[in-house]
N, C-alpha and C. Protein backbone atom coordinates (compact mmCIF):
# COMPACT_ATOMS: atom_id res chain seq x y z
N MET A 1 131.17 106.40 82.40
CA MET A 1 130.10 105.51 82.81
C MET A 1 130.54 104.05 82.63
N THR A 2 130.27 103.24 83.62
CA THR A 2 130.67 101.85 83.50
C THR A 2 129.75 101.13 82.52
N GLU A 3 130.24 100.02 82.02
CA GLU A 3 129.43 99.23 81.07
C GLU A 3 128.15 98.74 81.71
N ASP A 4 128.23 98.39 83.00
CA ASP A 4 127.04 97.89 83.71
C ASP A 4 125.93 98.93 83.70
N LEU A 5 126.33 100.16 83.97
CA LEU A 5 125.37 101.26 84.04
C LEU A 5 124.77 101.50 82.65
N GLU A 6 125.63 101.48 81.67
CA GLU A 6 125.21 101.66 80.27
C GLU A 6 124.17 100.60 79.92
N ALA A 7 124.46 99.36 80.31
CA ALA A 7 123.55 98.24 80.00
C ALA A 7 122.21 98.43 80.72
N LEU A 8 122.28 98.93 81.96
CA LEU A 8 121.07 99.14 82.75
C LEU A 8 120.19 100.22 82.10
N TYR A 9 120.82 101.29 81.67
CA TYR A 9 120.07 102.36 80.99
C TYR A 9 119.39 101.81 79.72
N LYS A 10 120.12 100.96 79.00
CA LYS A 10 119.56 100.37 77.78
C LYS A 10 118.35 99.50 78.10
N GLU A 11 118.46 98.72 79.18
CA GLU A 11 117.33 97.86 79.59
C GLU A 11 116.12 98.72 79.94
N MET A 12 116.38 99.84 80.62
CA MET A 12 115.28 100.75 81.00
C MET A 12 114.57 101.28 79.76
N ALA A 13 115.37 101.75 78.80
CA ALA A 13 114.79 102.28 77.55
C ALA A 13 113.97 101.19 76.86
N GLN A 14 114.53 99.98 76.82
CA GLN A 14 113.86 98.87 76.14
C GLN A 14 112.54 98.51 76.81
N SER A 15 112.50 98.59 78.13
CA SER A 15 111.25 98.25 78.85
C SER A 15 110.12 99.19 78.46
N ILE A 16 110.47 100.44 78.16
CA ILE A 16 109.46 101.42 77.72
C ILE A 16 109.06 101.13 76.28
N ILE A 17 110.06 100.89 75.43
CA ILE A 17 109.79 100.60 74.01
C ILE A 17 108.86 99.38 73.90
N ASP A 18 109.10 98.37 74.74
CA ASP A 18 108.29 97.16 74.71
C ASP A 18 106.97 97.31 75.47
N GLY A 19 106.82 98.43 76.17
CA GLY A 19 105.60 98.65 76.95
C GLY A 19 105.46 97.67 78.11
N GLU A 20 106.60 97.27 78.67
CA GLU A 20 106.61 96.29 79.77
C GLU A 20 106.65 96.98 81.13
N SER A 21 105.48 97.29 81.67
CA SER A 21 105.40 98.02 82.94
C SER A 21 106.11 97.30 84.09
N GLU A 22 105.89 95.98 84.17
CA GLU A 22 106.48 95.21 85.29
C GLU A 22 108.01 95.30 85.27
N ILE A 23 108.57 95.16 84.07
CA ILE A 23 110.04 95.22 83.95
C ILE A 23 110.53 96.62 84.29
N ALA A 24 109.79 97.63 83.83
CA ALA A 24 110.16 99.02 84.11
C ALA A 24 110.17 99.27 85.62
N ILE A 25 109.17 98.73 86.31
CA ILE A 25 109.09 98.88 87.77
C ILE A 25 110.30 98.23 88.45
N GLU A 26 110.61 97.01 88.02
CA GLU A 26 111.76 96.29 88.61
C GLU A 26 113.05 97.08 88.41
N LEU A 27 113.23 97.61 87.20
CA LEU A 27 114.47 98.36 86.89
C LEU A 27 114.52 99.67 87.70
N ALA A 28 113.37 100.29 87.89
CA ALA A 28 113.33 101.52 88.69
C ALA A 28 113.72 101.21 90.14
N LYS A 29 113.19 100.10 90.65
CA LYS A 29 113.54 99.70 92.03
C LYS A 29 115.04 99.40 92.14
N LYS A 30 115.55 98.74 91.13
CA LYS A 30 116.97 98.39 91.11
C LYS A 30 117.83 99.65 91.16
N SER A 31 117.40 100.68 90.41
CA SER A 31 118.18 101.93 90.37
C SER A 31 118.23 102.58 91.76
N ILE A 32 117.14 102.44 92.51
CA ILE A 32 117.10 103.01 93.87
C ILE A 32 118.06 102.24 94.78
N GLU A 33 118.03 100.91 94.64
CA GLU A 33 118.95 100.07 95.44
C GLU A 33 120.40 100.42 95.15
N LEU A 34 120.67 100.77 93.90
CA LEU A 34 122.04 101.09 93.50
C LEU A 34 122.41 102.55 93.79
N ASN A 35 121.46 103.26 94.46
CA ASN A 35 121.69 104.68 94.78
C ASN A 35 121.95 105.56 93.55
N MET A 36 121.32 105.19 92.45
CA MET A 36 121.46 106.02 91.25
C MET A 36 120.60 107.27 91.41
N HIS A 37 121.02 108.37 90.78
CA HIS A 37 120.26 109.61 90.88
C HIS A 37 118.96 109.44 90.08
N PRO A 38 117.80 109.66 90.73
CA PRO A 38 116.54 109.39 90.03
C PRO A 38 116.35 110.18 88.74
N LEU A 39 116.83 111.40 88.70
CA LEU A 39 116.69 112.18 87.47
C LEU A 39 117.53 111.59 86.34
N GLU A 40 118.71 111.10 86.70
CA GLU A 40 119.57 110.48 85.69
C GLU A 40 118.94 109.17 85.19
N THR A 41 118.34 108.44 86.13
CA THR A 41 117.66 107.19 85.76
C THR A 41 116.58 107.48 84.73
N ILE A 42 115.83 108.54 84.98
CA ILE A 42 114.74 108.90 84.07
C ILE A 42 115.29 109.39 82.73
N THR A 43 116.22 110.33 82.78
CA THR A 43 116.65 110.97 81.53
C THR A 43 117.59 110.11 80.68
N LYS A 44 118.46 109.34 81.34
CA LYS A 44 119.41 108.54 80.56
C LYS A 44 118.88 107.14 80.26
N GLY A 45 117.84 106.74 81.00
CA GLY A 45 117.28 105.41 80.81
C GLY A 45 115.91 105.45 80.16
N PHE A 46 114.90 105.64 81.01
CA PHE A 46 113.52 105.51 80.54
C PHE A 46 113.13 106.50 79.43
N VAL A 47 113.58 107.74 79.54
CA VAL A 47 113.18 108.75 78.54
C VAL A 47 113.68 108.40 77.14
N ILE A 48 114.83 107.74 77.08
CA ILE A 48 115.37 107.35 75.77
C ILE A 48 114.35 106.47 75.05
N GLY A 49 113.72 105.58 75.82
CA GLY A 49 112.68 104.71 75.26
C GLY A 49 111.45 105.49 74.83
N VAL A 50 111.04 106.43 75.67
CA VAL A 50 109.87 107.28 75.35
C VAL A 50 110.12 108.05 74.06
N ASN A 51 111.30 108.66 73.97
CA ASN A 51 111.62 109.45 72.78
C ASN A 51 111.65 108.59 71.51
N TYR A 52 112.17 107.38 71.68
CA TYR A 52 112.25 106.47 70.53
C TYR A 52 110.85 106.14 70.01
N ILE A 53 109.96 105.73 70.93
CA ILE A 53 108.59 105.39 70.54
C ILE A 53 107.88 106.62 69.96
N GLY A 54 108.13 107.78 70.55
CA GLY A 54 107.53 109.03 70.05
C GLY A 54 107.96 109.30 68.62
N ASP A 55 109.26 109.12 68.35
CA ASP A 55 109.79 109.33 66.99
C ASP A 55 109.19 108.31 66.01
N GLN A 56 109.11 107.06 66.48
CA GLN A 56 108.56 105.99 65.62
C GLN A 56 107.10 106.28 65.28
N PHE A 57 106.37 106.77 66.29
CA PHE A 57 104.96 107.10 66.10
C PHE A 57 104.83 108.24 65.08
N GLY A 58 105.70 109.25 65.25
CA GLY A 58 105.69 110.40 64.34
C GLY A 58 105.98 109.99 62.91
N ALA A 59 106.81 108.95 62.75
CA ALA A 59 107.20 108.50 61.42
C ALA A 59 106.24 107.44 60.86
N GLY A 60 105.21 107.13 61.64
CA GLY A 60 104.24 106.12 61.19
C GLY A 60 104.74 104.69 61.35
N GLU A 61 105.82 104.51 62.12
CA GLU A 61 106.40 103.17 62.32
C GLU A 61 105.84 102.49 63.57
N ALA A 62 105.27 103.28 64.46
CA ALA A 62 104.63 102.72 65.67
C ALA A 62 103.21 103.27 65.71
N PHE A 63 102.35 102.57 66.43
CA PHE A 63 100.94 102.95 66.41
C PHE A 63 100.43 103.28 67.82
N LEU A 64 99.22 103.84 67.88
CA LEU A 64 98.71 104.34 69.14
C LEU A 64 98.77 103.34 70.30
N PRO A 65 98.39 102.06 70.10
CA PRO A 65 98.46 101.12 71.24
C PRO A 65 99.88 101.02 71.82
N GLU A 66 100.88 101.05 70.94
CA GLU A 66 102.27 100.98 71.42
C GLU A 66 102.65 102.23 72.19
N LEU A 67 102.15 103.36 71.70
CA LEU A 67 102.41 104.63 72.37
C LEU A 67 101.78 104.61 73.77
N VAL A 68 100.55 104.11 73.84
CA VAL A 68 99.84 104.05 75.12
C VAL A 68 100.55 103.11 76.09
N MET A 69 100.98 101.94 75.58
CA MET A 69 101.67 100.98 76.46
C MET A 69 103.00 101.53 76.95
N ALA A 70 103.70 102.23 76.07
CA ALA A 70 104.97 102.86 76.47
C ALA A 70 104.68 103.91 77.56
N GLY A 71 103.60 104.65 77.38
CA GLY A 71 103.21 105.66 78.37
C GLY A 71 102.90 105.04 79.72
N GLU A 72 102.20 103.91 79.70
CA GLU A 72 101.86 103.22 80.95
C GLU A 72 103.12 102.73 81.65
N ALA A 73 104.05 102.18 80.86
CA ALA A 73 105.30 101.68 81.43
C ALA A 73 106.10 102.83 82.03
N MET A 74 106.10 103.98 81.33
CA MET A 74 106.81 105.15 81.82
C MET A 74 106.21 105.63 83.14
N LYS A 75 104.87 105.67 83.17
CA LYS A 75 104.18 106.10 84.39
C LYS A 75 104.52 105.18 85.56
N ALA A 76 104.56 103.88 85.27
CA ALA A 76 104.85 102.89 86.31
C ALA A 76 106.25 103.10 86.88
N ALA A 77 107.21 103.33 85.99
CA ALA A 77 108.59 103.56 86.44
C ALA A 77 108.69 104.84 87.25
N VAL A 78 108.04 105.89 86.75
CA VAL A 78 108.10 107.18 87.43
C VAL A 78 107.44 107.11 88.80
N ALA A 79 106.35 106.33 88.91
CA ALA A 79 105.66 106.20 90.20
C ALA A 79 106.61 105.62 91.27
N VAL A 80 107.49 104.71 90.84
CA VAL A 80 108.47 104.14 91.77
C VAL A 80 109.51 105.20 92.16
N LEU A 81 109.90 106.01 91.17
CA LEU A 81 110.98 106.98 91.39
C LEU A 81 110.50 108.29 92.03
N GLU A 82 109.19 108.54 91.95
CA GLU A 82 108.64 109.82 92.43
C GLU A 82 109.04 110.15 93.88
N PRO A 83 108.88 109.20 94.82
CA PRO A 83 109.27 109.53 96.21
C PRO A 83 110.73 109.95 96.32
N GLU A 84 111.59 109.33 95.51
CA GLU A 84 113.02 109.70 95.53
C GLU A 84 113.21 111.11 94.99
N LEU A 85 112.44 111.42 93.93
CA LEU A 85 112.51 112.76 93.34
C LEU A 85 112.02 113.80 94.33
N LEU A 86 110.94 113.46 95.02
CA LEU A 86 110.38 114.42 95.98
C LEU A 86 111.34 114.69 97.13
N LYS A 87 112.06 113.66 97.53
CA LYS A 87 113.07 113.86 98.60
C LYS A 87 114.08 114.92 98.17
N LEU A 88 114.45 114.85 96.88
CA LEU A 88 115.40 115.84 96.35
C LEU A 88 114.74 117.21 96.26
N GLY A 89 113.48 117.20 95.81
CA GLY A 89 112.76 118.45 95.61
C GLY A 89 112.43 119.17 96.91
N GLU A 90 112.24 118.40 97.99
CA GLU A 90 111.83 118.99 99.26
C GLU A 90 112.86 119.95 99.83
N ALA A 91 114.09 119.74 99.42
CA ALA A 91 115.16 120.58 99.96
C ALA A 91 115.19 121.95 99.26
N ARG A 92 114.36 122.10 98.23
CA ARG A 92 114.40 123.35 97.47
C ARG A 92 113.19 124.23 97.77
N GLU A 93 113.34 125.49 97.42
CA GLU A 93 112.18 126.37 97.57
C GLU A 93 111.17 126.06 96.46
N MET A 94 109.92 126.44 96.68
CA MET A 94 108.90 126.24 95.66
C MET A 94 109.13 127.24 94.54
N MET A 95 109.27 126.72 93.34
CA MET A 95 109.58 127.57 92.19
C MET A 95 108.36 128.32 91.65
N GLY A 96 107.21 127.66 91.70
CA GLY A 96 106.00 128.26 91.14
C GLY A 96 104.96 127.18 90.94
N LYS A 97 103.76 127.59 90.53
CA LYS A 97 102.67 126.63 90.32
C LYS A 97 102.37 126.49 88.84
N VAL A 98 102.19 125.23 88.42
CA VAL A 98 101.95 124.95 87.00
C VAL A 98 100.71 124.07 86.84
N VAL A 99 99.86 124.45 85.89
CA VAL A 99 98.75 123.58 85.50
C VAL A 99 99.11 122.97 84.15
N LEU A 100 99.09 121.64 84.08
CA LEU A 100 99.42 120.94 82.84
C LEU A 100 98.17 120.25 82.29
N ALA A 101 98.05 120.23 80.97
CA ALA A 101 96.93 119.51 80.36
C ALA A 101 97.25 119.20 78.90
N THR A 102 96.66 118.10 78.42
CA THR A 102 96.64 117.87 76.99
C THR A 102 95.32 118.46 76.51
N VAL A 103 95.36 119.19 75.41
CA VAL A 103 94.20 119.97 74.97
C VAL A 103 93.03 119.09 74.52
N GLU A 104 91.88 119.74 74.42
CA GLU A 104 90.64 119.07 74.03
C GLU A 104 90.80 118.33 72.71
N GLY A 105 90.28 117.08 72.68
CA GLY A 105 90.34 116.30 71.45
C GLY A 105 91.61 115.48 71.30
N ASP A 106 92.53 115.60 72.25
CA ASP A 106 93.83 114.93 72.15
C ASP A 106 94.04 114.05 73.39
N ILE A 107 94.49 112.82 73.17
CA ILE A 107 94.65 111.93 74.33
C ILE A 107 96.10 111.55 74.57
N HIS A 108 97.02 112.30 73.97
CA HIS A 108 98.44 111.98 74.10
C HIS A 108 98.97 112.49 75.44
N GLU A 109 99.62 111.62 76.21
CA GLU A 109 100.08 112.17 77.49
C GLU A 109 101.46 111.76 77.96
N ILE A 110 102.18 110.98 77.18
CA ILE A 110 103.51 110.57 77.68
C ILE A 110 104.38 111.79 77.94
N GLY A 111 104.49 112.65 76.93
CA GLY A 111 105.35 113.82 77.06
C GLY A 111 104.92 114.72 78.20
N LYS A 112 103.61 114.94 78.30
CA LYS A 112 103.08 115.84 79.33
C LYS A 112 103.36 115.28 80.72
N THR A 113 103.11 113.99 80.90
CA THR A 113 103.33 113.37 82.21
C THR A 113 104.80 113.51 82.62
N LEU A 114 105.65 113.33 81.64
CA LEU A 114 107.09 113.43 81.89
C LEU A 114 107.48 114.86 82.28
N VAL A 115 106.91 115.84 81.58
CA VAL A 115 107.18 117.24 81.92
C VAL A 115 106.73 117.51 83.36
N GLY A 116 105.56 116.98 83.72
CA GLY A 116 105.05 117.16 85.08
C GLY A 116 106.00 116.59 86.13
N THR A 117 106.50 115.41 85.83
CA THR A 117 107.44 114.75 86.75
C THR A 117 108.70 115.58 86.92
N MET A 118 109.23 116.04 85.80
CA MET A 118 110.47 116.82 85.84
C MET A 118 110.27 118.16 86.56
N LEU A 119 109.13 118.79 86.32
CA LEU A 119 108.86 120.07 86.99
C LEU A 119 108.72 119.86 88.50
N SER A 120 108.01 118.79 88.89
CA SER A 120 107.87 118.49 90.32
C SER A 120 109.24 118.27 90.95
N ALA A 121 110.06 117.52 90.24
CA ALA A 121 111.39 117.21 90.75
C ALA A 121 112.26 118.46 90.86
N SER A 122 111.91 119.47 90.07
CA SER A 122 112.71 120.70 90.07
C SER A 122 112.14 121.75 91.01
N GLY A 123 111.11 121.38 91.78
CA GLY A 123 110.61 122.30 92.79
C GLY A 123 109.34 123.06 92.44
N PHE A 124 108.70 122.68 91.33
CA PHE A 124 107.42 123.30 90.98
C PHE A 124 106.28 122.50 91.59
N GLU A 125 105.20 123.20 91.92
CA GLU A 125 103.98 122.52 92.34
C GLU A 125 103.17 122.31 91.07
N VAL A 126 102.86 121.05 90.76
CA VAL A 126 102.21 120.75 89.47
C VAL A 126 100.84 120.13 89.67
N VAL A 127 99.85 120.65 88.95
CA VAL A 127 98.53 120.02 88.89
C VAL A 127 98.35 119.55 87.45
N ASP A 128 98.29 118.23 87.28
CA ASP A 128 98.14 117.67 85.94
C ASP A 128 96.68 117.28 85.73
N LEU A 129 96.01 117.97 84.81
CA LEU A 129 94.58 117.73 84.59
C LEU A 129 94.33 116.52 83.69
N GLY A 130 95.38 115.99 83.08
CA GLY A 130 95.19 114.83 82.21
C GLY A 130 94.96 115.23 80.76
N VAL A 131 94.20 114.40 80.04
CA VAL A 131 94.05 114.61 78.59
C VAL A 131 92.66 115.14 78.23
N ASP A 132 92.53 115.60 76.98
CA ASP A 132 91.23 116.01 76.43
C ASP A 132 90.56 117.09 77.28
N GLN A 133 91.32 118.12 77.60
CA GLN A 133 90.81 119.17 78.50
C GLN A 133 90.37 120.43 77.75
N PRO A 134 89.10 120.83 77.89
CA PRO A 134 88.67 122.07 77.26
C PRO A 134 89.30 123.30 77.93
N ALA A 135 89.32 124.41 77.19
CA ALA A 135 89.95 125.64 77.67
C ALA A 135 89.40 126.06 79.03
N ALA A 136 88.09 125.96 79.21
CA ALA A 136 87.46 126.43 80.46
C ALA A 136 88.02 125.68 81.68
N ASN A 137 88.23 124.37 81.53
CA ASN A 137 88.80 123.58 82.64
C ASN A 137 90.21 124.03 82.98
N ILE A 138 91.01 124.21 81.93
CA ILE A 138 92.42 124.57 82.11
C ILE A 138 92.53 125.93 82.80
N ILE A 139 91.78 126.91 82.28
CA ILE A 139 91.85 128.26 82.85
C ILE A 139 91.24 128.28 84.25
N GLY A 140 90.14 127.55 84.43
CA GLY A 140 89.48 127.49 85.73
C GLY A 140 90.43 126.97 86.82
N LYS A 141 91.15 125.92 86.50
CA LYS A 141 92.09 125.33 87.47
C LYS A 141 93.25 126.28 87.74
N ALA A 142 93.72 126.96 86.69
CA ALA A 142 94.83 127.91 86.85
C ALA A 142 94.43 129.04 87.82
N LEU A 143 93.19 129.51 87.69
CA LEU A 143 92.71 130.56 88.59
C LEU A 143 92.53 130.03 90.01
N GLU A 144 92.01 128.81 90.09
CA GLU A 144 91.75 128.19 91.40
C GLU A 144 93.03 128.06 92.24
N ILE A 145 94.12 127.65 91.61
CA ILE A 145 95.36 127.45 92.39
C ILE A 145 96.33 128.63 92.27
N ASN A 146 95.86 129.69 91.56
CA ASN A 146 96.71 130.86 91.35
C ASN A 146 98.02 130.47 90.66
N ALA A 147 97.87 129.78 89.51
CA ALA A 147 99.03 129.24 88.79
C ALA A 147 99.87 130.35 88.16
N ASP A 148 101.16 130.09 88.08
CA ASP A 148 102.09 131.00 87.38
C ASP A 148 102.16 130.66 85.90
N ILE A 149 102.00 129.35 85.62
CA ILE A 149 102.18 128.86 84.25
C ILE A 149 101.10 127.85 83.90
N ILE A 150 100.64 127.92 82.63
CA ILE A 150 99.81 126.85 82.07
C ILE A 150 100.67 126.17 81.02
N GLY A 151 100.75 124.85 81.10
CA GLY A 151 101.50 124.08 80.10
C GLY A 151 100.54 123.21 79.32
N MET A 152 100.54 123.34 77.99
CA MET A 152 99.61 122.57 77.16
C MET A 152 100.33 121.73 76.13
N SER A 153 99.86 120.49 76.01
CA SER A 153 100.46 119.58 75.04
C SER A 153 99.44 119.24 73.95
N ALA A 154 99.94 119.08 72.73
CA ALA A 154 99.10 118.61 71.62
C ALA A 154 99.98 117.76 70.71
N LEU A 155 99.50 116.58 70.37
CA LEU A 155 100.29 115.72 69.49
C LEU A 155 99.78 115.77 68.05
N LEU A 156 98.52 116.16 67.91
CA LEU A 156 97.91 116.13 66.58
C LEU A 156 97.83 117.53 65.98
N THR A 157 98.06 117.62 64.69
CA THR A 157 97.98 118.94 64.04
C THR A 157 96.56 119.49 64.15
N THR A 158 95.58 118.59 64.23
CA THR A 158 94.18 119.04 64.32
C THR A 158 93.84 119.63 65.68
N THR A 159 94.60 119.30 66.71
CA THR A 159 94.26 119.82 68.05
C THR A 159 95.16 120.99 68.46
N MET A 160 96.17 121.28 67.65
CA MET A 160 97.07 122.40 67.98
C MET A 160 96.30 123.70 68.20
N VAL A 161 95.24 123.89 67.38
CA VAL A 161 94.48 125.14 67.45
C VAL A 161 93.88 125.38 68.84
N ARG A 162 93.69 124.30 69.59
CA ARG A 162 93.13 124.45 70.95
C ARG A 162 94.09 125.23 71.85
N GLN A 163 95.38 125.11 71.57
CA GLN A 163 96.36 125.88 72.36
C GLN A 163 96.11 127.37 72.16
N ARG A 164 95.85 127.73 70.91
CA ARG A 164 95.59 129.13 70.60
C ARG A 164 94.32 129.60 71.31
N GLU A 165 93.28 128.74 71.32
CA GLU A 165 92.01 129.11 71.96
C GLU A 165 92.20 129.46 73.43
N VAL A 166 93.00 128.67 74.12
CA VAL A 166 93.24 128.93 75.55
C VAL A 166 93.92 130.28 75.73
N ILE A 167 94.90 130.55 74.89
CA ILE A 167 95.63 131.83 74.99
C ILE A 167 94.69 133.01 74.69
N GLU A 168 93.85 132.85 73.67
CA GLU A 168 92.90 133.92 73.33
C GLU A 168 91.94 134.18 74.49
N GLU A 169 91.52 133.10 75.12
CA GLU A 169 90.59 133.21 76.25
C GLU A 169 91.26 133.92 77.44
N LEU A 170 92.51 133.57 77.69
CA LEU A 170 93.28 134.22 78.76
C LEU A 170 93.40 135.73 78.49
N ASP A 171 93.67 136.06 77.23
CA ASP A 171 93.79 137.48 76.84
C ASP A 171 92.47 138.20 77.09
N LYS A 172 91.40 137.53 76.66
CA LYS A 172 90.06 138.12 76.78
C LYS A 172 89.74 138.43 78.24
N GLU A 173 90.17 137.53 79.12
CA GLU A 173 89.86 137.70 80.54
C GLU A 173 90.92 138.53 81.28
N GLY A 174 91.86 139.07 80.50
CA GLY A 174 92.88 139.94 81.10
C GLY A 174 93.83 139.23 82.04
N LEU A 175 94.08 137.94 81.77
CA LEU A 175 94.92 137.14 82.69
C LEU A 175 96.38 137.03 82.25
N ARG A 176 96.68 137.60 81.10
CA ARG A 176 98.08 137.61 80.70
C ARG A 176 98.58 139.05 80.81
N PRO A 177 99.83 139.28 81.12
CA PRO A 177 100.89 138.27 81.22
C PRO A 177 101.02 137.61 82.59
N ARG A 178 100.02 137.81 83.48
CA ARG A 178 100.16 137.23 84.83
C ARG A 178 100.34 135.71 84.76
N ILE A 179 99.54 135.06 83.92
CA ILE A 179 99.70 133.61 83.73
C ILE A 179 100.46 133.39 82.42
N LYS A 180 101.62 132.78 82.55
CA LYS A 180 102.44 132.48 81.37
C LYS A 180 101.97 131.17 80.73
N VAL A 181 102.23 131.02 79.44
CA VAL A 181 101.78 129.82 78.73
C VAL A 181 102.94 129.13 78.02
N MET A 182 103.09 127.85 78.35
CA MET A 182 104.09 127.01 77.67
C MET A 182 103.35 126.00 76.81
N VAL A 183 103.86 125.73 75.61
CA VAL A 183 103.22 124.72 74.77
C VAL A 183 104.26 123.69 74.32
N GLY A 184 103.75 122.51 73.98
CA GLY A 184 104.65 121.46 73.53
C GLY A 184 103.88 120.40 72.77
N GLY A 185 104.60 119.44 72.22
CA GLY A 185 103.99 118.37 71.44
C GLY A 185 104.69 118.24 70.10
N ALA A 186 104.59 117.08 69.50
CA ALA A 186 105.35 116.78 68.27
C ALA A 186 105.17 117.80 67.14
N PRO A 187 103.93 118.27 66.85
CA PRO A 187 103.81 119.16 65.69
C PRO A 187 104.14 120.63 65.98
N ILE A 188 104.45 120.95 67.23
CA ILE A 188 104.64 122.35 67.61
C ILE A 188 105.99 122.87 67.12
N THR A 189 105.96 124.02 66.46
CA THR A 189 107.19 124.64 65.96
C THR A 189 107.34 126.04 66.55
N ARG A 190 108.52 126.61 66.39
CA ARG A 190 108.74 127.98 66.87
C ARG A 190 107.79 128.97 66.18
N ASP A 191 107.54 128.73 64.89
CA ASP A 191 106.63 129.61 64.14
C ASP A 191 105.23 129.61 64.77
N TRP A 192 104.78 128.42 65.12
CA TRP A 192 103.45 128.29 65.74
C TRP A 192 103.41 129.02 67.09
N VAL A 193 104.48 128.85 67.86
CA VAL A 193 104.57 129.49 69.18
C VAL A 193 104.50 131.01 69.04
N THR A 194 105.20 131.54 68.05
CA THR A 194 105.19 132.98 67.80
C THR A 194 103.80 133.42 67.35
N LYS A 195 103.21 132.63 66.47
CA LYS A 195 101.90 132.94 65.90
C LYS A 195 100.82 133.04 66.99
N ILE A 196 100.83 132.09 67.92
CA ILE A 196 99.78 132.10 68.96
C ILE A 196 100.20 132.91 70.19
N LYS A 197 101.39 133.50 70.11
CA LYS A 197 101.91 134.35 71.19
C LYS A 197 102.04 133.62 72.53
N ALA A 198 102.52 132.35 72.47
CA ALA A 198 102.81 131.62 73.70
C ALA A 198 104.11 132.17 74.29
N ASP A 199 104.34 131.91 75.58
CA ASP A 199 105.53 132.46 76.25
C ASP A 199 106.74 131.55 76.16
N GLY A 200 106.49 130.27 75.91
CA GLY A 200 107.63 129.35 75.88
C GLY A 200 107.26 128.05 75.21
N TYR A 201 108.31 127.34 74.78
CA TYR A 201 108.10 126.07 74.08
C TYR A 201 109.35 125.23 74.24
N SER A 202 109.13 123.93 74.39
CA SER A 202 110.29 123.05 74.48
C SER A 202 110.00 121.75 73.76
N GLU A 203 111.04 121.14 73.22
CA GLU A 203 110.87 119.86 72.53
C GLU A 203 110.94 118.69 73.50
N ASP A 204 111.46 118.92 74.68
CA ASP A 204 111.54 117.80 75.63
C ASP A 204 111.36 118.27 77.07
N ALA A 205 111.28 117.29 77.96
CA ALA A 205 110.96 117.59 79.36
C ALA A 205 112.08 118.38 80.06
N ILE A 206 113.32 118.09 79.70
CA ILE A 206 114.43 118.81 80.32
C ILE A 206 114.38 120.29 79.94
N GLY A 207 114.13 120.51 78.64
CA GLY A 207 114.02 121.88 78.14
C GLY A 207 112.85 122.61 78.77
N ALA A 208 111.76 121.87 79.02
CA ALA A 208 110.56 122.48 79.61
C ALA A 208 110.85 123.04 81.00
N VAL A 209 111.67 122.33 81.76
CA VAL A 209 112.02 122.81 83.10
C VAL A 209 112.79 124.12 83.00
N LYS A 210 113.71 124.17 82.05
CA LYS A 210 114.52 125.38 81.84
C LYS A 210 113.61 126.57 81.49
N ILE A 211 112.67 126.34 80.56
CA ILE A 211 111.74 127.41 80.15
C ILE A 211 110.89 127.86 81.33
N ALA A 212 110.37 126.89 82.08
CA ALA A 212 109.50 127.21 83.21
C ALA A 212 110.24 128.08 84.23
N LYS A 213 111.49 127.73 84.48
CA LYS A 213 112.30 128.54 85.42
C LYS A 213 112.48 129.96 84.89
N GLU A 214 112.74 130.07 83.59
CA GLU A 214 112.89 131.41 82.98
C GLU A 214 111.60 132.21 83.13
N LEU A 215 110.46 131.54 82.91
CA LEU A 215 109.17 132.24 82.95
C LEU A 215 108.81 132.75 84.34
N VAL A 216 109.32 132.07 85.38
CA VAL A 216 109.04 132.56 86.75
C VAL A 216 110.22 133.38 87.31
N GLY A 217 111.17 133.68 86.41
CA GLY A 217 112.29 134.54 86.82
C GLY A 217 113.29 133.86 87.72
N LYS A 218 113.43 132.52 87.59
CA LYS A 218 114.38 131.80 88.45
C LYS A 218 115.32 130.95 87.60
N ALA A 219 115.71 131.49 86.46
CA ALA A 219 116.52 130.74 85.50
C ALA A 219 117.84 130.25 86.06
N ASP A 220 118.36 130.98 87.04
CA ASP A 220 119.70 130.62 87.54
C ASP A 220 119.64 129.58 88.65
N GLN A 221 118.46 129.04 88.95
CA GLN A 221 118.38 128.09 90.08
C GLN A 221 118.20 126.67 89.60
């Protein structure tokens, strides 16, 4: 990688850390002009900033307003890159349908939004319900679009239990294993995933795409 590219990736990460949406937009446009691969721009540039702020927040070094501003900057950058991602995605077959949501009582969405972007770019049809979603909404939408996967995010230990509620409800309605469930978020561990009998879990957006492909039986694509 050339030094120029390295510097550009650093600027992208910094724009997210600083919550500077305008700068993030300019850098995203610049990457398109330079014919950079949009997925690389996201993963090697902007995501580094998202992960940094996420880690800082987890360690109590950053606070909710900073997290929200970083999320807005990330969304702004991704909005510029989305058409480029879709151009790449259009050439592929549809992998499956995914409903994404942050669970009830939780308003964290940087990670979830990023997972949605990456899944779309990888050929999945994604419906993102946003944050603070009760189980009924999530399951209702999954049935409405005949989803293959439900992906749920929780950042707070107090809202993790909502992930379990959705899975229990799906079981009750006899919808599993037809609808697979992926979970994610800072406090989520493998133990928790096993305990609530979720089908998959990832610590980051790249990993989430891999899991989603495995869950729809297209791991090799």
